[in-house]
Amino acid sequence: MKKPVHILVIIILLLLTIFLYNKQLASIPLLLISFYLFTVVGSKISLFKKNK
């Protein structure tokens, strides 16, 4: 994906975290952020291994 899309997804998830923090539901968007970053890193590593 392109860089602006990554930034937009992270910003939306961080805003959800801030909004849901007061309702004690901040763990949901934080789990989504960690899953998203895990998949981004996984795709970058697989591309790196294919280029070697």
PDB file of N, CA and C in Angstrom:
ATOM      1  N   MET A   1       0.836  -1.191   0.000  1.00  0.00           N
ATOM      2  CA  MET A   1       0.000   0.000   0.000  1.00  0.00           C
ATOM      3  C   MET A   1       0.870   1.239   0.000  1.00  0.00           C
ATOM      4  N   LYS A   2       0.265   2.328  -0.338  1.00  0.00           N
ATOM      5  CA  LYS A   2       0.986   3.592  -0.367  1.00  0.00           C
ATOM      6  C   LYS A   2       1.095   4.180   1.032  1.00  0.00           C
ATOM      7  N   LYS A   3       2.078   5.050   1.167  1.00  0.00           N
ATOM      8  CA  LYS A   3       2.354   5.653   2.469  1.00  0.00           C
ATOM      9  C   LYS A   3       1.173   6.459   3.034  1.00  0.00           C
ATOM     10  N   PRO A   4       0.457   7.272   2.226  1.00  0.00           N
ATOM     11  CA  PRO A   4      -0.690   8.011   2.802  1.00  0.00           C
ATOM     12  C   PRO A   4      -1.778   7.101   3.356  1.00  0.00           C
ATOM     13  N   VAL A   5      -1.965   5.940   2.746  1.00  0.00           N
ATOM     14  CA  VAL A   5      -2.977   5.009   3.242  1.00  0.00           C
ATOM     15  C   VAL A   5      -2.554   4.471   4.603  1.00  0.00           C
ATOM     16  N   HIS A   6      -1.274   4.138   4.756  1.00  0.00           N
ATOM     17  CA  HIS A   6      -0.774   3.659   6.046  1.00  0.00           C
ATOM     18  C   HIS A   6      -0.964   4.721   7.127  1.00  0.00           C
ATOM     19  N   ILE A   7      -0.619   5.940   6.798  1.00  0.00           N
ATOM     20  CA  ILE A   7      -0.739   7.030   7.770  1.00  0.00           C
ATOM     21  C   ILE A   7      -2.206   7.252   8.145  1.00  0.00           C
ATOM     22  N   LEU A   8      -3.093   7.195   7.164  1.00  0.00           N
ATOM     23  CA  LEU A   8      -4.516   7.391   7.425  1.00  0.00           C
ATOM     24  C   LEU A   8      -5.075   6.299   8.327  1.00  0.00           C
ATOM     25  N   VAL A   9      -4.700   5.062   8.085  1.00  0.00           N
ATOM     26  CA  VAL A   9      -5.186   3.950   8.918  1.00  0.00           C
ATOM     27  C   VAL A   9      -4.685   4.103  10.351  1.00  0.00           C
ATOM     28  N   ILE A  10      -3.420   4.435  10.516  1.00  0.00           N
ATOM     29  CA  ILE A  10      -2.858   4.612  11.861  1.00  0.00           C
ATOM     30  C   ILE A  10      -3.541   5.768  12.586  1.00  0.00           C
ATOM     31  N   ILE A  11      -3.784   6.867  11.893  1.00  0.00           N
ATOM     32  CA  ILE A  11      -4.442   8.017  12.525  1.00  0.00           C
ATOM     33  C   ILE A  11      -5.862   7.660  12.960  1.00  0.00           C
ATOM     34  N   ILE A  12      -6.597   6.961  12.106  1.00  0.00           N
ATOM     35  CA  ILE A  12      -7.965   6.566  12.456  1.00  0.00           C
ATOM     36  C   ILE A  12      -7.966   5.650  13.675  1.00  0.00           C
ATOM     37  N   LEU A  13      -7.062   4.690  13.703  1.00  0.00           N
ATOM     38  CA  LEU A  13      -7.013   3.773  14.846  1.00  0.00           C
ATOM     39  C   LEU A  13      -6.571   4.481  16.121  1.00  0.00           C
ATOM     40  N   LEU A  14      -5.666   5.431  16.012  1.00  0.00           N
ATOM     41  CA  LEU A  14      -5.263   6.195  17.198  1.00  0.00           C
ATOM     42  C   LEU A  14      -6.405   7.076  17.710  1.00  0.00           C
ATOM     43  N   LEU A  15      -7.167   7.666  16.799  1.00  0.00           N
ATOM     44  CA  LEU A  15      -8.320   8.454  17.230  1.00  0.00           C
ATOM     45  C   LEU A  15      -9.368   7.571  17.902  1.00  0.00           C
ATOM     46  N   LEU A  16      -9.571   6.373  17.380  1.00  0.00           N
ATOM     47  CA  LEU A  16     -10.476   5.435  18.042  1.00  0.00           C
ATOM     48  C   LEU A  16      -9.981   5.074  19.437  1.00  0.00           C
ATOM     49  N   THR A  17      -8.675   4.929  19.566  1.00  0.00           N
ATOM     50  CA  THR A  17      -8.100   4.618  20.877  1.00  0.00           C
ATOM     51  C   THR A  17      -8.385   5.740  21.867  1.00  0.00           C
ATOM     52  N   ILE A  18      -8.169   6.975  21.432  1.00  0.00           N
ATOM     53  CA  ILE A  18      -8.405   8.126  22.313  1.00  0.00           C
ATOM     54  C   ILE A  18      -9.886   8.225  22.673  1.00  0.00           C
ATOM     55  N   PHE A  19     -10.753   8.026  21.680  1.00  0.00           N
ATOM     56  CA  PHE A  19     -12.194   8.130  21.924  1.00  0.00           C
ATOM     57  C   PHE A  19     -12.683   7.026  22.863  1.00  0.00           C
ATOM     58  N   LEU A  20     -12.210   5.804  22.671  1.00  0.00           N
ATOM     59  CA  LEU A  20     -12.681   4.679  23.472  1.00  0.00           C
ATOM     60  C   LEU A  20     -11.951   4.525  24.809  1.00  0.00           C
ATOM     61  N   TYR A  21     -10.906   5.311  25.019  1.00  0.00           N
ATOM     62  CA  TYR A  21     -10.155   5.216  26.266  1.00  0.00           C
ATOM     63  C   TYR A  21     -11.030   5.558  27.468  1.00  0.00           C
ATOM     64  N   ASN A  22     -11.860   6.576  27.336  1.00  0.00           N
ATOM     65  CA  ASN A  22     -12.727   6.985  28.442  1.00  0.00           C
ATOM     66  C   ASN A  22     -13.797   5.952  28.753  1.00  0.00           C
ATOM     67  N   LYS A  23     -14.125   5.122  27.786  1.00  0.00           N
ATOM     68  CA  LYS A  23     -15.133   4.080  27.995  1.00  0.00           C
ATOM     69  C   LYS A  23     -14.489   2.743  28.365  1.00  0.00           C
ATOM     70  N   GLN A  24     -13.206   2.765  28.628  1.00  0.00           N
ATOM     71  CA  GLN A  24     -12.411   1.591  29.006  1.00  0.00           C
ATOM     72  C   GLN A  24     -12.444   0.504  27.935  1.00  0.00           C
ATOM     73  N   LEU A  25     -12.452   0.916  26.678  1.00  0.00           N
ATOM     74  CA  LEU A  25     -12.424  -0.015  25.557  1.00  0.00           C
ATOM     75  C   LEU A  25     -11.226   0.246  24.635  1.00  0.00           C
ATOM     76  N   ALA A  26     -10.181   0.845  25.167  1.00  0.00           N
ATOM     77  CA  ALA A  26      -9.037   1.228  24.342  1.00  0.00           C
ATOM     78  C   ALA A  26      -8.247   0.023  23.851  1.00  0.00           C
ATOM     79  N   SER A  27      -8.435  -1.126  24.454  1.00  0.00           N
ATOM     80  CA  SER A  27      -7.662  -2.292  24.031  1.00  0.00           C
ATOM     81  C   SER A  27      -8.076  -2.784  22.643  1.00  0.00           C
ATOM     82  N   ILE A  28      -9.301  -2.511  22.238  1.00  0.00           N
ATOM     83  CA  ILE A  28      -9.774  -2.989  20.931  1.00  0.00           C
ATOM     84  C   ILE A  28      -8.998  -2.327  19.786  1.00  0.00           C
ATOM     85  N   PRO A  29      -8.952  -0.986  19.699  1.00  0.00           N
ATOM     86  CA  PRO A  29      -8.170  -0.392  18.609  1.00  0.00           C
ATOM     87  C   PRO A  29      -6.671  -0.645  18.753  1.00  0.00           C
ATOM     88  N   LEU A  30      -6.176  -0.804  19.987  1.00  0.00           N
ATOM     89  CA  LEU A  30      -4.755  -1.109  20.151  1.00  0.00           C
ATOM     90  C   LEU A  30      -4.427  -2.486  19.594  1.00  0.00           C
ATOM     91  N   LEU A  31      -5.320  -3.442  19.765  1.00  0.00           N
ATOM     92  CA  LEU A  31      -5.130  -4.751  19.147  1.00  0.00           C
ATOM     93  C   LEU A  31      -5.178  -4.655  17.631  1.00  0.00           C
ATOM     94  N   LEU A  32      -6.072  -3.825  17.111  1.00  0.00           N
ATOM     95  CA  LEU A  32      -6.141  -3.631  15.665  1.00  0.00           C
ATOM     96  C   LEU A  32      -4.876  -2.971  15.122  1.00  0.00           C
ATOM     97  N   ILE A  33      -4.340  -2.010  15.878  1.00  0.00           N
ATOM     98  CA  ILE A  33      -3.084  -1.366  15.468  1.00  0.00           C
ATOM     99  C   ILE A  33      -1.955  -2.388  15.434  1.00  0.00           C
ATOM    100  N   SER A  34      -1.854  -3.219  16.445  1.00  0.00           N
ATOM    101  CA  SER A  34      -0.777  -4.205  16.487  1.00  0.00           C
ATOM    102  C   SER A  34      -0.924  -5.226  15.362  1.00  0.00           C
ATOM    103  N   PHE A  35      -2.162  -5.654  15.070  1.00  0.00           N
ATOM    104  CA  PHE A  35      -2.388  -6.583  13.966  1.00  0.00           C
ATOM    105  C   PHE A  35      -2.032  -5.942  12.630  1.00  0.00           C
ATOM    106  N   TYR A  36      -2.419  -4.684  12.444  1.00  0.00           N
ATOM    107  CA  TYR A  36      -2.116  -3.968  11.202  1.00  0.00           C
ATOM    108  C   TYR A  36      -0.611  -3.825  11.009  1.00  0.00           C
ATOM    109  N   LEU A  37       0.083  -3.401  12.051  1.00  0.00           N
ATOM    110  CA  LEU A  37       1.537  -3.243  11.943  1.00  0.00           C
ATOM    111  C   LEU A  37       2.233  -4.583  11.730  1.00  0.00           C
ATOM    112  N   PHE A  38       1.717  -5.641  12.349  1.00  0.00           N
ATOM    113  CA  PHE A  38       2.281  -6.971  12.158  1.00  0.00           C
ATOM    114  C   PHE A  38       2.157  -7.404  10.695  1.00  0.00           C
ATOM    115  N   THR A  39       1.004  -7.158  10.078  1.00  0.00           N
ATOM    116  CA  THR A  39       0.829  -7.544   8.680  1.00  0.00           C
ATOM    117  C   THR A  39       1.680  -6.691   7.742  1.00  0.00           C
ATOM    118  N   VAL A  40       1.832  -5.404   8.058  1.00  0.00           N
ATOM    119  CA  VAL A  40       2.677  -4.532   7.225  1.00  0.00           C
ATOM    120  C   VAL A  40       4.122  -4.993   7.281  1.00  0.00           C
ATOM    121  N   VAL A  41       4.603  -5.283   8.471  1.00  0.00           N
ATOM    122  CA  VAL A  41       5.985  -5.744   8.619  1.00  0.00           C
ATOM    123  C   VAL A  41       6.165  -7.106   7.952  1.00  0.00           C
ATOM    124  N   GLY A  42       5.180  -7.977   8.091  1.00  0.00           N
ATOM    125  CA  GLY A  42       5.258  -9.285   7.441  1.00  0.00           C
ATOM    126  C   GLY A  42       5.345  -9.177   5.939  1.00  0.00           C
ATOM    127  N   SER A  43       4.573  -8.268   5.349  1.00  0.00           N
ATOM    128  CA  SER A  43       4.637  -8.098   3.894  1.00  0.00           C
ATOM    129  C   SER A  43       5.968  -7.495   3.465  1.00  0.00           C
ATOM    130  N   LYS A  44       6.516  -6.583   4.249  1.00  0.00           N
ATOM    131  CA  LYS A  44       7.820  -5.989   3.920  1.00  0.00           C
ATOM    132  C   LYS A  44       8.929  -7.030   4.012  1.00  0.00           C
ATOM    133  N   ILE A  45       8.860  -7.907   5.025  1.00  0.00           N
ATOM    134  CA  ILE A  45       9.884  -8.941   5.167  1.00  0.00           C
ATOM    135  C   ILE A  45       9.803  -9.933   4.027  1.00  0.00           C
ATOM    136  N   SER A  46       8.581 -10.300   3.606  1.00  0.00           N
ATOM    137  CA  SER A  46       8.462 -11.248   2.507  1.00  0.00           C
ATOM    138  C   SER A  46       8.972 -10.649   1.204  1.00  0.00           C
ATOM    139  N   LEU A  47       8.731  -9.345   0.995  1.00  0.00           N
ATOM    140  CA  LEU A  47       9.274  -8.689  -0.197  1.00  0.00           C
ATOM    141  C   LEU A  47      10.800  -8.629  -0.138  1.00  0.00           C
ATOM    142  N   PHE A  48      11.339  -8.399   1.047  1.00  0.00           N
ATOM    143  CA  PHE A  48      12.784  -8.346   1.214  1.00  0.00           C
ATOM    144  C   PHE A  48      13.422  -9.702   0.925  1.00  0.00           C
ATOM    145  N   LYS A  49      12.768 -10.785   1.387  1.00  0.00           N
ATOM    146  CA  LYS A  49      13.303 -12.121   1.151  1.00  0.00           C
ATOM    147  C   LYS A  49      13.207 -12.520  -0.321  1.00  0.00           C
ATOM    148  N   LYS A  50      12.169 -12.068  -1.023  1.00  0.00           N
ATOM    149  CA  LYS A  50      12.024 -12.392  -2.446  1.00  0.00           C
ATOM    150  C   LYS A  50      13.076 -11.691  -3.294  1.00  0.00           C
ATOM    151  N   ASN A  51      13.492 -10.494  -2.866  1.00  0.00           N
ATOM    152  CA  ASN A  51      14.478  -9.725  -3.633  1.00  0.00           C
ATOM    153  C   ASN A  51      15.906 -10.193  -3.411  1.00  0.00           C
ATOM    154  N   LYS A  52      16.144 -11.008  -2.408  1.00  0.00           N
ATOM    155  CA  LYS A  52      17.504 -11.485  -2.120  1.00  0.00           C
ATOM    156  C   LYS A  52      17.953 -12.518  -3.073  1.00  0.00           C
TER     157      LYS A  52
END
